[in-house]
């Protein structure tokens, strides 16, 4: 999980992460902030295409995610998820 701060209503434009190998699938998850720790889940999307070794990116502008203040973004793995290092 990585904590972010959006000053005012700001769209989430993209997410980036680094994968040690290609393939698999994962969830990108968004949580509100609960006194400095992840709170309630507010958005979730599955990513299962174009996952390559190295930096991967998912355009989220069309998803319409708008955040205000502190929020958290993270990855939840499936059994098929490639080992990755979150670089959100």
Protein backbone atom coordinates (compact mmCIF):
# COMPACT_ATOMS: atom_id res chain seq x y z
CA UNK A 1 0.00 0.00 0.00
CA UNK A 2 1.13 3.50 -0.80
CA UNK A 3 -0.40 6.63 0.75
CA UNK A 4 -1.26 9.60 -1.46
CA UNK A 5 -2.78 13.03 -0.89
CA UNK A 6 -5.09 14.74 -3.37
CA UNK A 7 -5.52 18.46 -2.62
CA UNK A 8 -9.19 18.96 -3.49
CA UNK A 9 -11.11 16.71 -5.88
CA UNK A 10 -8.45 15.22 -8.15
CA UNK A 11 -8.84 12.46 -10.75
CA UNK A 12 -6.62 9.39 -10.45
CA UNK A 13 -4.81 9.43 -13.78
CA UNK A 14 -2.72 6.22 -13.73
CA UNK A 15 -1.05 3.56 -11.65
CA UNK A 16 2.46 2.21 -12.27
CA UNK A 17 4.19 -0.80 -10.77
CA UNK A 18 7.24 -2.92 -11.44
CA UNK A 19 6.93 -6.64 -12.20
CA UNK A 20 9.78 -9.10 -11.86
CA UNK A 21 8.29 -11.24 -14.69
CA UNK A 22 5.42 -10.90 -17.15
CA UNK A 23 1.91 -12.30 -17.10
CA UNK A 24 -0.67 -12.97 -14.44
CA UNK A 25 -3.38 -10.70 -13.10
CA UNK A 26 -3.86 -8.44 -10.09
CA UNK A 27 -6.29 -6.09 -8.39
CA UNK A 28 -5.59 -2.38 -8.08
CA UNK A 29 -7.35 -1.31 -4.88
CA UNK A 30 -8.08 2.11 -3.38
CA UNK A 31 -8.82 2.74 0.29
CA UNK A 32 -9.76 5.81 2.29
CA UNK A 33 -7.46 6.96 5.08
CA UNK A 34 -8.26 5.95 8.66
CA UNK A 35 -5.98 8.05 10.90
CA UNK A 36 -2.84 7.29 8.89
CA UNK A 37 -3.61 3.67 7.93
CA UNK A 38 -5.71 2.18 5.10
CA UNK A 39 -9.41 2.23 5.93
CA UNK A 40 -12.47 1.18 3.96
CA UNK A 41 -12.03 -0.02 0.36
CA UNK A 42 -13.51 2.55 -2.02
CA UNK A 43 -12.55 1.26 -5.49
CA UNK A 44 -11.18 -1.93 -7.01
CA UNK A 45 -10.33 -2.97 -10.56
CA UNK A 46 -8.80 -6.11 -12.09
CA UNK A 47 -5.76 -5.76 -14.36
CA UNK A 48 -5.09 -8.83 -16.51
CA UNK A 49 -3.68 -7.57 -19.81
CA UNK A 50 -0.31 -6.24 -20.96
CA UNK A 51 1.52 -7.28 -17.78
CA UNK A 52 5.15 -7.46 -18.84
CA UNK A 53 8.47 -7.78 -17.08
CA UNK A 54 9.51 -4.30 -15.96
CA UNK A 55 7.34 -1.23 -15.50
CA UNK A 56 3.62 -1.68 -16.14
CA UNK A 57 1.11 1.12 -16.30
CA UNK A 58 -2.69 1.27 -16.18
CA UNK A 59 -4.53 4.36 -17.41
CA UNK A 60 -7.29 5.11 -14.89
CA UNK A 61 -8.56 8.48 -16.12
CA UNK A 62 -11.60 6.98 -17.89
CA UNK A 63 -12.52 5.01 -14.74
CA UNK A 64 -13.60 8.27 -13.11
CA UNK A 65 -11.85 7.75 -9.76
CA UNK A 66 -11.81 11.13 -7.99
CA UNK A 67 -10.03 11.47 -4.65
CA UNK A 68 -9.92 14.21 -2.04
CA UNK A 69 -7.39 14.27 0.81
CA UNK A 70 -5.41 11.24 1.95
CA UNK A 71 -6.06 7.89 0.32
CA UNK A 72 -4.19 4.60 -0.21
CA UNK A 73 -3.56 2.54 -3.34
CA UNK A 74 -2.28 -1.02 -3.37
CA UNK A 75 -2.14 -4.32 -5.20
CA UNK A 76 -3.88 -7.55 -4.25
CA UNK A 77 -2.49 -10.66 -5.88
CA UNK A 78 -4.20 -13.62 -7.48
CA UNK A 79 -2.47 -17.01 -7.44
CA UNK A 80 -1.36 -16.19 -11.02
CA UNK A 81 0.08 -12.79 -10.12
CA UNK A 82 3.71 -12.30 -11.09
CA UNK A 83 6.01 -11.30 -8.24
CA UNK A 84 5.98 -7.52 -8.27
CA UNK A 85 7.26 -4.52 -6.41
CA UNK A 86 4.67 -1.80 -5.98
CA UNK A 87 5.81 1.43 -7.54
CA UNK A 88 2.42 3.09 -7.49
